[in-house]
Amino acid sequence: MYLLAHAMAGILIGIVLAAIAGDRRVVALAALGAVLPDLIDKPLGHIILAGTVNYGRIYFHGLTILFLILIAGLLLYHYRRRIGLLALAAGMASHQFLDGMWRHPIEWFWPFLGPLPRYDYSEGFLWDAILRELTQPSEWLFFILIAGLFAFLYRRELEEVVSRLTRPSTLRMLVVALGLAVVTVLIVVGLLQ
């Protein structure tokens, strides 16, 4: 499953939770929870643990971490009436469901069924997977849908940001920062040649 497809599932869950709780912030938290397993496990498994595990579905794709976050969310809700961690856990649960983690019981129930097995992915597997994802039309469609949904849900906040950015003092500062960035790039390119 691709990252933005997971994010879309999290957003849909977040919209339902937002309607129940009356808090739009849970939409972003559910979307974060839906992509968090890949954002943590893929680099961790394929880069940091490449010599041992070399797999992108490890800790955050398992029930152990999900239940720890769920318990923390239940405690936070019980004592503070905040559902943010519950929304994060719901997003993570959707990720595990869409990845079909029940077909990988050792990883899903880790550490209860033994250590994580070693996989033999090629050295550039993660980068190749990212490039494959960037070329998928469905991911671009999900990107447009997600951007539209967030623009609609957070339109008041977006209007405030746009009004701040269009102030003359802010525009001057942005032009100066852009000019400095261009000069820096030109200097670096000149030094590399």
N, C-alpha and C. Protein backbone atom coordinates (compact mmCIF):
# COMPACT_ATOMS: atom_id res chain seq x y z
N MET A 1 0.85 -1.17 0.00
CA MET A 1 0.00 0.00 0.00
C MET A 1 0.89 1.23 0.00
N TYR A 2 0.49 2.24 -0.70
CA TYR A 2 1.29 3.45 -0.84
C TYR A 2 0.97 4.46 0.25
N LEU A 3 1.94 5.34 0.51
CA LEU A 3 1.87 6.28 1.63
C LEU A 3 0.63 7.17 1.58
N LEU A 4 0.35 7.78 0.44
CA LEU A 4 -0.79 8.69 0.37
C LEU A 4 -2.12 7.96 0.39
N ALA A 5 -2.14 6.71 -0.05
CA ALA A 5 -3.36 5.91 0.10
C ALA A 5 -3.62 5.64 1.58
N HIS A 6 -2.56 5.35 2.33
CA HIS A 6 -2.70 5.21 3.79
C HIS A 6 -3.18 6.51 4.41
N ALA A 7 -2.59 7.63 3.99
CA ALA A 7 -2.98 8.94 4.53
C ALA A 7 -4.45 9.21 4.27
N MET A 8 -4.93 8.87 3.09
CA MET A 8 -6.34 9.09 2.75
C MET A 8 -7.24 8.28 3.67
N ALA A 9 -6.87 7.03 3.94
CA ALA A 9 -7.66 6.21 4.87
C ALA A 9 -7.68 6.85 6.26
N GLY A 10 -6.52 7.36 6.70
CA GLY A 10 -6.46 8.03 7.99
C GLY A 10 -7.31 9.28 8.03
N ILE A 11 -7.33 10.03 6.93
CA ILE A 11 -8.15 11.24 6.88
C ILE A 11 -9.63 10.88 6.97
N LEU A 12 -10.05 9.85 6.27
CA LEU A 12 -11.46 9.44 6.34
C LEU A 12 -11.84 9.02 7.76
N ILE A 13 -10.96 8.28 8.43
CA ILE A 13 -11.20 7.91 9.82
C ILE A 13 -11.24 9.16 10.69
N GLY A 14 -10.30 10.08 10.44
CA GLY A 14 -10.25 11.33 11.21
C GLY A 14 -11.49 12.17 11.03
N ILE A 15 -12.06 12.20 9.83
CA ILE A 15 -13.29 12.97 9.60
C ILE A 15 -14.43 12.41 10.43
N VAL A 16 -14.53 11.09 10.50
CA VAL A 16 -15.57 10.46 11.33
C VAL A 16 -15.34 10.81 12.81
N LEU A 17 -14.09 10.68 13.26
CA LEU A 17 -13.78 11.00 14.66
C LEU A 17 -14.02 12.48 14.95
N ALA A 18 -13.71 13.35 14.00
CA ALA A 18 -13.92 14.79 14.19
C ALA A 18 -15.41 15.10 14.32
N ALA A 19 -16.22 14.40 13.55
CA ALA A 19 -17.67 14.62 13.64
C ALA A 19 -18.20 14.16 15.00
N ILE A 20 -17.64 13.08 15.52
CA ILE A 20 -18.07 12.57 16.82
C ILE A 20 -17.58 13.47 17.95
N ALA A 21 -16.30 13.86 17.89
CA ALA A 21 -15.68 14.60 18.99
C ALA A 21 -15.84 16.11 18.85
N GLY A 22 -16.15 16.58 17.65
CA GLY A 22 -16.26 18.02 17.44
C GLY A 22 -14.91 18.73 17.45
N ASP A 23 -13.87 18.04 17.04
CA ASP A 23 -12.52 18.60 17.04
C ASP A 23 -11.83 18.25 15.72
N ARG A 24 -11.60 19.25 14.86
CA ARG A 24 -11.00 19.00 13.55
C ARG A 24 -9.55 18.56 13.63
N ARG A 25 -8.89 18.80 14.73
CA ARG A 25 -7.47 18.44 14.85
C ARG A 25 -7.24 16.93 14.76
N VAL A 26 -8.25 16.15 15.08
CA VAL A 26 -8.07 14.70 15.04
C VAL A 26 -7.91 14.18 13.62
N VAL A 27 -8.35 14.96 12.62
CA VAL A 27 -8.18 14.52 11.24
C VAL A 27 -6.69 14.41 10.92
N ALA A 28 -5.92 15.43 11.26
CA ALA A 28 -4.48 15.40 11.00
C ALA A 28 -3.79 14.32 11.82
N LEU A 29 -4.24 14.10 13.05
CA LEU A 29 -3.62 13.07 13.89
C LEU A 29 -3.92 11.66 13.36
N ALA A 30 -5.12 11.43 12.88
CA ALA A 30 -5.43 10.12 12.30
C ALA A 30 -4.65 9.90 11.01
N ALA A 31 -4.50 10.96 10.21
CA ALA A 31 -3.69 10.85 8.99
C ALA A 31 -2.23 10.57 9.33
N LEU A 32 -1.71 11.24 10.35
CA LEU A 32 -0.33 10.98 10.80
C LEU A 32 -0.19 9.53 11.26
N GLY A 33 -1.15 9.06 12.03
CA GLY A 33 -1.11 7.67 12.50
C GLY A 33 -1.14 6.68 11.35
N ALA A 34 -1.84 7.02 10.29
CA ALA A 34 -1.96 6.12 9.15
C ALA A 34 -0.66 6.00 8.35
N VAL A 35 0.19 7.01 8.40
CA VAL A 35 1.46 6.95 7.66
C VAL A 35 2.65 6.71 8.57
N LEU A 36 2.47 6.86 9.88
CA LEU A 36 3.57 6.73 10.83
C LEU A 36 4.31 5.39 10.76
N PRO A 37 3.62 4.25 10.61
CA PRO A 37 4.36 2.99 10.52
C PRO A 37 5.39 2.96 9.39
N ASP A 38 5.01 3.48 8.22
CA ASP A 38 5.97 3.51 7.12
C ASP A 38 7.05 4.56 7.33
N LEU A 39 6.69 5.70 7.89
CA LEU A 39 7.68 6.76 8.11
C LEU A 39 8.75 6.34 9.10
N ILE A 40 8.40 5.46 10.04
CA ILE A 40 9.38 5.00 11.03
C ILE A 40 10.03 3.69 10.60
N ASP A 41 9.21 2.69 10.26
CA ASP A 41 9.74 1.35 10.01
C ASP A 41 10.57 1.22 8.73
N LYS A 42 10.18 1.90 7.66
CA LYS A 42 10.92 1.74 6.40
C LYS A 42 12.36 2.23 6.53
N PRO A 43 12.59 3.48 6.97
CA PRO A 43 14.00 3.89 7.13
C PRO A 43 14.72 3.08 8.21
N LEU A 44 14.03 2.78 9.30
CA LEU A 44 14.66 2.02 10.37
C LEU A 44 15.06 0.63 9.89
N GLY A 45 14.14 -0.05 9.21
CA GLY A 45 14.41 -1.42 8.79
C GLY A 45 15.35 -1.54 7.61
N HIS A 46 15.24 -0.63 6.62
CA HIS A 46 16.03 -0.76 5.40
C HIS A 46 17.34 0.02 5.43
N ILE A 47 17.49 0.95 6.37
CA ILE A 47 18.74 1.73 6.44
C ILE A 47 19.49 1.39 7.72
N ILE A 48 18.87 1.65 8.86
CA ILE A 48 19.57 1.47 10.15
C ILE A 48 19.77 0.00 10.47
N LEU A 49 18.75 -0.82 10.24
CA LEU A 49 18.84 -2.26 10.54
C LEU A 49 19.05 -3.10 9.28
N ALA A 50 19.62 -2.50 8.25
CA ALA A 50 19.82 -3.22 6.98
C ALA A 50 20.69 -4.45 7.15
N GLY A 51 21.63 -4.43 8.06
CA GLY A 51 22.52 -5.57 8.25
C GLY A 51 21.90 -6.70 9.05
N THR A 52 20.79 -6.45 9.74
CA THR A 52 20.18 -7.49 10.56
C THR A 52 18.78 -7.87 10.08
N VAL A 53 17.85 -6.92 10.05
CA VAL A 53 16.46 -7.23 9.71
C VAL A 53 16.19 -6.96 8.23
N ASN A 54 16.55 -5.78 7.76
CA ASN A 54 16.37 -5.36 6.36
C ASN A 54 14.93 -5.55 5.89
N TYR A 55 13.98 -5.08 6.71
CA TYR A 55 12.57 -5.21 6.38
C TYR A 55 11.86 -3.95 6.84
N GLY A 56 10.87 -3.50 6.09
CA GLY A 56 10.20 -2.25 6.38
C GLY A 56 8.91 -2.37 7.17
N ARG A 57 8.58 -3.56 7.63
CA ARG A 57 7.38 -3.74 8.44
C ARG A 57 7.78 -4.40 9.75
N ILE A 58 8.24 -3.56 10.66
CA ILE A 58 8.72 -4.13 11.92
C ILE A 58 7.91 -3.55 13.08
N TYR A 59 8.48 -2.78 13.94
CA TYR A 59 7.88 -2.38 15.22
C TYR A 59 6.54 -1.66 15.10
N PHE A 60 6.45 -0.61 14.30
CA PHE A 60 5.22 0.16 14.22
C PHE A 60 4.16 -0.51 13.33
N HIS A 61 4.50 -1.61 12.72
CA HIS A 61 3.52 -2.41 11.99
C HIS A 61 2.97 -3.53 12.88
N GLY A 62 3.38 -3.56 14.13
CA GLY A 62 2.98 -4.62 15.05
C GLY A 62 1.96 -4.16 16.07
N LEU A 63 1.33 -5.14 16.68
CA LEU A 63 0.29 -4.86 17.67
C LEU A 63 0.86 -4.32 18.98
N THR A 64 2.10 -4.63 19.31
CA THR A 64 2.67 -4.19 20.58
C THR A 64 2.70 -2.67 20.68
N ILE A 65 3.28 -2.01 19.69
CA ILE A 65 3.35 -0.54 19.69
C ILE A 65 1.94 0.04 19.59
N LEU A 66 1.10 -0.56 18.75
CA LEU A 66 -0.27 -0.07 18.60
C LEU A 66 -1.01 -0.11 19.93
N PHE A 67 -0.89 -1.21 20.67
CA PHE A 67 -1.58 -1.31 21.95
C PHE A 67 -1.00 -0.36 22.99
N LEU A 68 0.31 -0.12 22.97
CA LEU A 68 0.89 0.85 23.90
C LEU A 68 0.34 2.26 23.64
N ILE A 69 0.23 2.63 22.37
CA ILE A 69 -0.33 3.94 22.03
C ILE A 69 -1.82 3.99 22.36
N LEU A 70 -2.52 2.89 22.13
CA LEU A 70 -3.94 2.82 22.45
C LEU A 70 -4.17 2.96 23.96
N ILE A 71 -3.36 2.29 24.76
CA ILE A 71 -3.49 2.40 26.22
C ILE A 71 -3.18 3.82 26.67
N ALA A 72 -2.12 4.41 26.13
CA ALA A 72 -1.80 5.80 26.47
C ALA A 72 -2.95 6.72 26.05
N GLY A 73 -3.55 6.45 24.89
CA GLY A 73 -4.68 7.26 24.42
C GLY A 73 -5.90 7.12 25.32
N LEU A 74 -6.17 5.91 25.78
CA LEU A 74 -7.29 5.70 26.68
C LEU A 74 -7.07 6.41 28.02
N LEU A 75 -5.83 6.35 28.52
CA LEU A 75 -5.52 7.06 29.76
C LEU A 75 -5.65 8.57 29.59
N LEU A 76 -5.15 9.08 28.47
CA LEU A 76 -5.24 10.51 28.19
C LEU A 76 -6.70 10.94 28.06
N TYR A 77 -7.51 10.12 27.43
CA TYR A 77 -8.92 10.44 27.30
C TYR A 77 -9.62 10.39 28.66
N HIS A 78 -9.28 9.38 29.45
CA HIS A 78 -9.92 9.23 30.76
C HIS A 78 -9.62 10.41 31.68
N TYR A 79 -8.36 10.85 31.68
CA TYR A 79 -7.97 11.90 32.62
C TYR A 79 -8.08 13.32 32.05
N ARG A 80 -7.95 13.48 30.75
CA ARG A 80 -7.94 14.83 30.16
C ARG A 80 -9.03 15.06 29.12
N ARG A 81 -9.76 14.02 28.75
CA ARG A 81 -10.80 14.11 27.73
C ARG A 81 -10.24 14.57 26.37
N ARG A 82 -9.07 14.09 26.04
CA ARG A 82 -8.44 14.39 24.75
C ARG A 82 -8.34 13.09 23.95
N ILE A 83 -8.73 13.15 22.70
CA ILE A 83 -8.77 11.93 21.90
C ILE A 83 -7.65 11.87 20.86
N GLY A 84 -6.69 12.75 20.96
CA GLY A 84 -5.62 12.81 19.96
C GLY A 84 -4.88 11.50 19.78
N LEU A 85 -4.46 10.88 20.87
CA LEU A 85 -3.72 9.61 20.77
C LEU A 85 -4.63 8.47 20.29
N LEU A 86 -5.90 8.55 20.61
CA LEU A 86 -6.83 7.54 20.10
C LEU A 86 -6.97 7.67 18.58
N ALA A 87 -7.00 8.90 18.09
CA ALA A 87 -7.05 9.12 16.63
C ALA A 87 -5.77 8.60 15.98
N LEU A 88 -4.62 8.85 16.62
CA LEU A 88 -3.35 8.35 16.10
C LEU A 88 -3.37 6.82 16.04
N ALA A 89 -3.87 6.19 17.11
CA ALA A 89 -3.96 4.72 17.15
C ALA A 89 -4.92 4.20 16.09
N ALA A 90 -6.03 4.89 15.86
CA ALA A 90 -6.97 4.45 14.83
C ALA A 90 -6.32 4.51 13.45
N GLY A 91 -5.54 5.56 13.20
CA GLY A 91 -4.82 5.65 11.94
C GLY A 91 -3.80 4.52 11.79
N MET A 92 -3.08 4.22 12.86
CA MET A 92 -2.11 3.13 12.81
C MET A 92 -2.80 1.78 12.57
N ALA A 93 -3.96 1.59 13.20
CA ALA A 93 -4.70 0.34 13.01
C ALA A 93 -5.14 0.21 11.55
N SER A 94 -5.56 1.32 10.95
CA SER A 94 -5.96 1.25 9.53
C SER A 94 -4.76 0.88 8.66
N HIS A 95 -3.59 1.38 9.00
CA HIS A 95 -2.38 1.05 8.24
C HIS A 95 -2.12 -0.46 8.31
N GLN A 96 -2.19 -1.01 9.51
CA GLN A 96 -1.94 -2.43 9.67
C GLN A 96 -2.99 -3.26 8.94
N PHE A 97 -4.24 -2.81 8.97
CA PHE A 97 -5.30 -3.53 8.26
C PHE A 97 -5.05 -3.50 6.75
N LEU A 98 -4.74 -2.31 6.21
CA LEU A 98 -4.53 -2.19 4.76
C LEU A 98 -3.28 -2.93 4.29
N ASP A 99 -2.29 -3.07 5.16
CA ASP A 99 -1.09 -3.84 4.83
C ASP A 99 -1.31 -5.34 5.01
N GLY A 100 -2.44 -5.74 5.59
CA GLY A 100 -2.71 -7.17 5.80
C GLY A 100 -1.69 -7.80 6.73
N MET A 101 -1.41 -7.16 7.84
CA MET A 101 -0.35 -7.64 8.72
C MET A 101 -0.64 -9.00 9.34
N TRP A 102 -1.89 -9.45 9.34
CA TRP A 102 -2.20 -10.79 9.87
C TRP A 102 -1.53 -11.87 9.03
N ARG A 103 -1.12 -11.53 7.80
CA ARG A 103 -0.40 -12.49 6.96
C ARG A 103 1.08 -12.57 7.33
N HIS A 104 1.52 -11.71 8.25
CA HIS A 104 2.91 -11.68 8.72
C HIS A 104 2.89 -11.78 10.25
N PRO A 105 2.50 -12.94 10.80
CA PRO A 105 2.27 -13.04 12.24
C PRO A 105 3.50 -12.77 13.09
N ILE A 106 4.70 -13.13 12.63
CA ILE A 106 5.90 -12.89 13.45
C ILE A 106 6.10 -11.40 13.67
N GLU A 107 5.95 -10.62 12.60
CA GLU A 107 6.11 -9.17 12.71
C GLU A 107 4.92 -8.54 13.45
N TRP A 108 3.71 -9.02 13.18
CA TRP A 108 2.52 -8.42 13.76
C TRP A 108 2.44 -8.64 15.27
N PHE A 109 2.86 -9.83 15.73
CA PHE A 109 2.80 -10.14 17.15
C PHE A 109 4.15 -9.99 17.85
N TRP A 110 5.12 -9.37 17.18
CA TRP A 110 6.44 -9.21 17.77
C TRP A 110 6.32 -8.54 19.13
N PRO A 111 7.03 -9.00 20.13
CA PRO A 111 8.09 -10.01 20.22
C PRO A 111 7.60 -11.38 20.67
N PHE A 112 6.29 -11.59 20.67
CA PHE A 112 5.71 -12.78 21.29
C PHE A 112 5.89 -14.07 20.48
N LEU A 113 6.18 -13.97 19.20
CA LEU A 113 6.39 -15.18 18.39
C LEU A 113 7.86 -15.36 18.01
N GLY A 114 8.74 -14.64 18.69
CA GLY A 114 10.16 -14.78 18.42
C GLY A 114 10.74 -13.54 17.77
N PRO A 115 12.02 -13.62 17.45
CA PRO A 115 12.69 -12.44 16.88
C PRO A 115 12.24 -12.18 15.44
N LEU A 116 12.46 -10.96 15.01
CA LEU A 116 12.14 -10.59 13.63
C LEU A 116 13.07 -11.34 12.68
N PRO A 117 12.51 -11.92 11.62
CA PRO A 117 13.37 -12.64 10.67
C PRO A 117 14.15 -11.66 9.79
N ARG A 118 15.21 -12.16 9.19
CA ARG A 118 16.02 -11.35 8.28
C ARG A 118 15.49 -11.52 6.86
N TYR A 119 15.41 -10.40 6.14
CA TYR A 119 14.98 -10.42 4.75
C TYR A 119 16.15 -10.00 3.88
N ASP A 120 16.14 -10.42 2.63
CA ASP A 120 17.24 -10.11 1.72
C ASP A 120 16.79 -9.18 0.60
N TYR A 121 16.55 -7.93 0.95
CA TYR A 121 16.23 -6.93 -0.06
C TYR A 121 17.53 -6.34 -0.59
N SER A 122 17.50 -5.88 -1.83
CA SER A 122 18.70 -5.29 -2.42
C SER A 122 19.06 -4.00 -1.69
N GLU A 123 20.29 -3.56 -1.88
CA GLU A 123 20.79 -2.38 -1.17
C GLU A 123 19.98 -1.13 -1.49
N GLY A 124 19.56 -0.94 -2.72
CA GLY A 124 18.82 0.25 -3.11
C GLY A 124 17.31 0.08 -3.10
N PHE A 125 16.81 -0.93 -2.39
CA PHE A 125 15.38 -1.23 -2.41
C PHE A 125 14.53 -0.06 -1.96
N LEU A 126 14.89 0.59 -0.85
CA LEU A 126 14.07 1.67 -0.32
C LEU A 126 13.97 2.82 -1.31
N TRP A 127 15.09 3.21 -1.90
CA TRP A 127 15.08 4.30 -2.87
C TRP A 127 14.25 3.92 -4.10
N ASP A 128 14.38 2.68 -4.57
CA ASP A 128 13.59 2.22 -5.71
C ASP A 128 12.09 2.24 -5.37
N ALA A 129 11.75 1.85 -4.16
CA ALA A 129 10.34 1.86 -3.74
C ALA A 129 9.79 3.29 -3.70
N ILE A 130 10.60 4.23 -3.23
CA ILE A 130 10.17 5.63 -3.21
C ILE A 130 9.95 6.14 -4.62
N LEU A 131 10.86 5.82 -5.53
CA LEU A 131 10.70 6.25 -6.92
C LEU A 131 9.47 5.62 -7.57
N ARG A 132 9.21 4.33 -7.29
CA ARG A 132 8.01 3.68 -7.81
C ARG A 132 6.76 4.38 -7.31
N GLU A 133 6.78 4.76 -6.04
CA GLU A 133 5.62 5.43 -5.45
C GLU A 133 5.39 6.80 -6.08
N LEU A 134 6.47 7.53 -6.34
CA LEU A 134 6.34 8.87 -6.93
C LEU A 134 5.82 8.84 -8.37
N THR A 135 5.93 7.70 -9.03
CA THR A 135 5.48 7.61 -10.42
C THR A 135 4.08 6.99 -10.55
N GLN A 136 3.45 6.69 -9.45
CA GLN A 136 2.11 6.09 -9.49
C GLN A 136 1.04 7.18 -9.65
N PRO A 137 0.23 7.10 -10.69
CA PRO A 137 -0.85 8.09 -10.86
C PRO A 137 -1.82 8.12 -9.68
N SER A 138 -2.06 6.95 -9.08
CA SER A 138 -2.99 6.91 -7.95
C SER A 138 -2.48 7.74 -6.78
N GLU A 139 -1.17 7.76 -6.56
CA GLU A 139 -0.62 8.57 -5.47
C GLU A 139 -0.80 10.06 -5.75
N TRP A 140 -0.65 10.46 -7.00
CA TRP A 140 -0.87 11.87 -7.36
C TRP A 140 -2.34 12.24 -7.18
N LEU A 141 -3.23 11.32 -7.51
CA LEU A 141 -4.66 11.57 -7.29
C LEU A 141 -4.95 11.72 -5.81
N PHE A 142 -4.40 10.82 -5.00
CA PHE A 142 -4.58 10.94 -3.55
C PHE A 142 -3.98 12.24 -3.03
N PHE A 143 -2.86 12.68 -3.58
CA PHE A 143 -2.25 13.95 -3.17
C PHE A 143 -3.21 15.11 -3.43
N ILE A 144 -3.82 15.13 -4.60
CA ILE A 144 -4.77 16.21 -4.94
C ILE A 144 -5.99 16.15 -4.03
N LEU A 145 -6.52 14.95 -3.79
CA LEU A 145 -7.67 14.80 -2.89
C LEU A 145 -7.34 15.23 -1.47
N ILE A 146 -6.18 14.83 -0.98
CA ILE A 146 -5.77 15.19 0.38
C ILE A 146 -5.57 16.69 0.50
N ALA A 147 -4.90 17.30 -0.47
CA ALA A 147 -4.69 18.75 -0.44
C ALA A 147 -6.03 19.48 -0.45
N GLY A 148 -6.97 19.01 -1.28
CA GLY A 148 -8.29 19.64 -1.32
C GLY A 148 -9.05 19.49 -0.01
N LEU A 149 -9.00 18.28 0.58
CA LEU A 149 -9.69 18.06 1.85
C LEU A 149 -9.11 18.93 2.97
N PHE A 150 -7.77 19.00 3.05
CA PHE A 150 -7.16 19.82 4.10
C PHE A 150 -7.42 21.30 3.85
N ALA A 151 -7.42 21.73 2.60
CA ALA A 151 -7.74 23.12 2.29
C ALA A 151 -9.17 23.45 2.71
N PHE A 152 -10.09 22.51 2.51
CA PHE A 152 -11.47 22.72 2.92
C PHE A 152 -11.62 22.69 4.44
N LEU A 153 -11.04 21.67 5.08
CA LEU A 153 -11.20 21.51 6.52
C LEU A 153 -10.54 22.63 7.32
N TYR A 154 -9.40 23.10 6.82
CA TYR A 154 -8.63 24.12 7.55
C TYR A 154 -8.60 25.44 6.78
N ARG A 155 -9.71 25.78 6.12
CA ARG A 155 -9.76 26.97 5.29
C ARG A 155 -9.56 28.25 6.08
N ARG A 156 -10.08 28.32 7.30
CA ARG A 156 -9.89 29.53 8.12
C ARG A 156 -8.43 29.74 8.46
N GLU A 157 -7.77 28.68 8.86
CA GLU A 157 -6.35 28.78 9.18
C GLU A 157 -5.53 29.11 7.94
N LEU A 158 -5.92 28.54 6.80
CA LEU A 158 -5.22 28.79 5.54
C LEU A 158 -5.39 30.25 5.11
N GLU A 159 -6.60 30.79 5.28
CA GLU A 159 -6.83 32.20 4.95
C GLU A 159 -5.95 33.10 5.80
N GLU A 160 -5.79 32.76 7.07
CA GLU A 160 -4.96 33.56 7.97
C GLU A 160 -3.50 33.52 7.54
N VAL A 161 -3.01 32.35 7.16
CA VAL A 161 -1.62 32.23 6.71
C VAL A 161 -1.41 33.03 5.42
N VAL A 162 -2.35 32.92 4.49
CA VAL A 162 -2.22 33.66 3.23
C VAL A 162 -2.24 35.15 3.48
N SER A 163 -3.10 35.61 4.39
CA SER A 163 -3.14 37.05 4.67
C SER A 163 -1.84 37.52 5.31
N ARG A 164 -1.23 36.69 6.13
CA ARG A 164 0.07 37.06 6.72
C ARG A 164 1.16 37.10 5.66
N LEU A 165 1.12 36.15 4.74
CA LEU A 165 2.16 36.09 3.71
C LEU A 165 2.05 37.22 2.70
N THR A 166 0.87 37.79 2.53
CA THR A 166 0.70 38.85 1.54
C THR A 166 0.94 40.24 2.10
N ARG A 167 1.32 40.35 3.35
CA ARG A 167 1.69 41.66 3.91
C ARG A 167 2.98 42.12 3.25
N PRO A 168 3.09 43.44 3.00
CA PRO A 168 4.30 43.95 2.31
C PRO A 168 5.60 43.59 3.03
N SER A 169 5.63 43.67 4.34
CA SER A 169 6.87 43.36 5.07
C SER A 169 7.24 41.88 4.91
N THR A 170 6.26 41.01 4.92
CA THR A 170 6.51 39.59 4.75
C THR A 170 6.97 39.29 3.33
N LEU A 171 6.35 39.93 2.35
CA LEU A 171 6.75 39.73 0.96
C LEU A 171 8.20 40.16 0.74
N ARG A 172 8.60 41.30 1.32
CA ARG A 172 10.00 41.75 1.19
C ARG A 172 10.94 40.73 1.80
N MET A 173 10.57 40.21 2.97
CA MET A 173 11.41 39.23 3.64
C MET A 173 11.52 37.95 2.82
N LEU A 174 10.43 37.51 2.21
CA LEU A 174 10.45 36.31 1.38
C LEU A 174 11.31 36.51 0.13
N VAL A 175 11.24 37.69 -0.48
CA VAL A 175 12.06 37.99 -1.66
C VAL A 175 13.54 37.97 -1.29
N VAL A 176 13.90 38.56 -0.14
CA VAL A 176 15.30 38.56 0.32
C VAL A 176 15.76 37.13 0.60
N ALA A 177 14.92 36.34 1.27
CA ALA A 177 15.29 34.95 1.57
C ALA A 177 15.46 34.14 0.29
N LEU A 178 14.57 34.33 -0.68
CA LEU A 178 14.68 33.63 -1.95
C LEU A 178 15.95 34.05 -2.69
N GLY A 179 16.26 35.35 -2.67
CA GLY A 179 17.49 35.84 -3.30
C GLY A 179 18.73 35.24 -2.67
N LEU A 180 18.76 35.17 -1.34
CA LEU A 180 19.90 34.56 -0.64
C LEU A 180 20.02 33.07 -0.98
N ALA A 181 18.88 32.39 -1.09
CA ALA A 181 18.91 30.96 -1.45
C ALA A 181 19.47 30.77 -2.86
N VAL A 182 19.07 31.63 -3.80
CA VAL A 182 19.57 31.53 -5.18
C VAL A 182 21.07 31.80 -5.22
N VAL A 183 21.52 32.82 -4.51
CA VAL A 183 22.96 33.14 -4.47
C VAL A 183 23.73 31.98 -3.85
N THR A 184 23.21 31.38 -2.79
CA THR A 184 23.87 30.25 -2.15
C THR A 184 23.99 29.06 -3.10
N VAL A 185 22.92 28.77 -3.81
CA VAL A 185 22.95 27.66 -4.77
C VAL A 185 23.96 27.94 -5.87
N LEU A 186 24.00 29.16 -6.37
CA LEU A 186 24.95 29.51 -7.42
C LEU A 186 26.39 29.37 -6.93
N ILE A 187 26.65 29.78 -5.69
CA ILE A 187 27.99 29.65 -5.13
C ILE A 187 28.38 28.17 -4.98
N VAL A 188 27.45 27.36 -4.45
CA VAL A 188 27.74 25.94 -4.24
C VAL A 188 27.97 25.25 -5.59
N VAL A 189 27.14 25.56 -6.58
CA VAL A 189 27.31 24.97 -7.91
C VAL A 189 28.67 25.39 -8.51
N GLY A 190 29.01 26.66 -8.31
CA GLY A 190 30.30 27.16 -8.81
C GLY A 190 31.48 26.47 -8.13
N LEU A 191 31.37 26.19 -6.85
CA LEU A 191 32.45 25.51 -6.12
C LEU A 191 32.58 24.05 -6.52
N LEU A 192 31.46 23.42 -6.89
CA LEU A 192 31.49 22.01 -7.24
C LEU A 192 32.03 21.77 -8.65
N GLN A 193 32.07 22.79 -9.48
CA GLN A 193 32.54 22.58 -10.85
C GLN A 193 34.02 22.68 -10.96
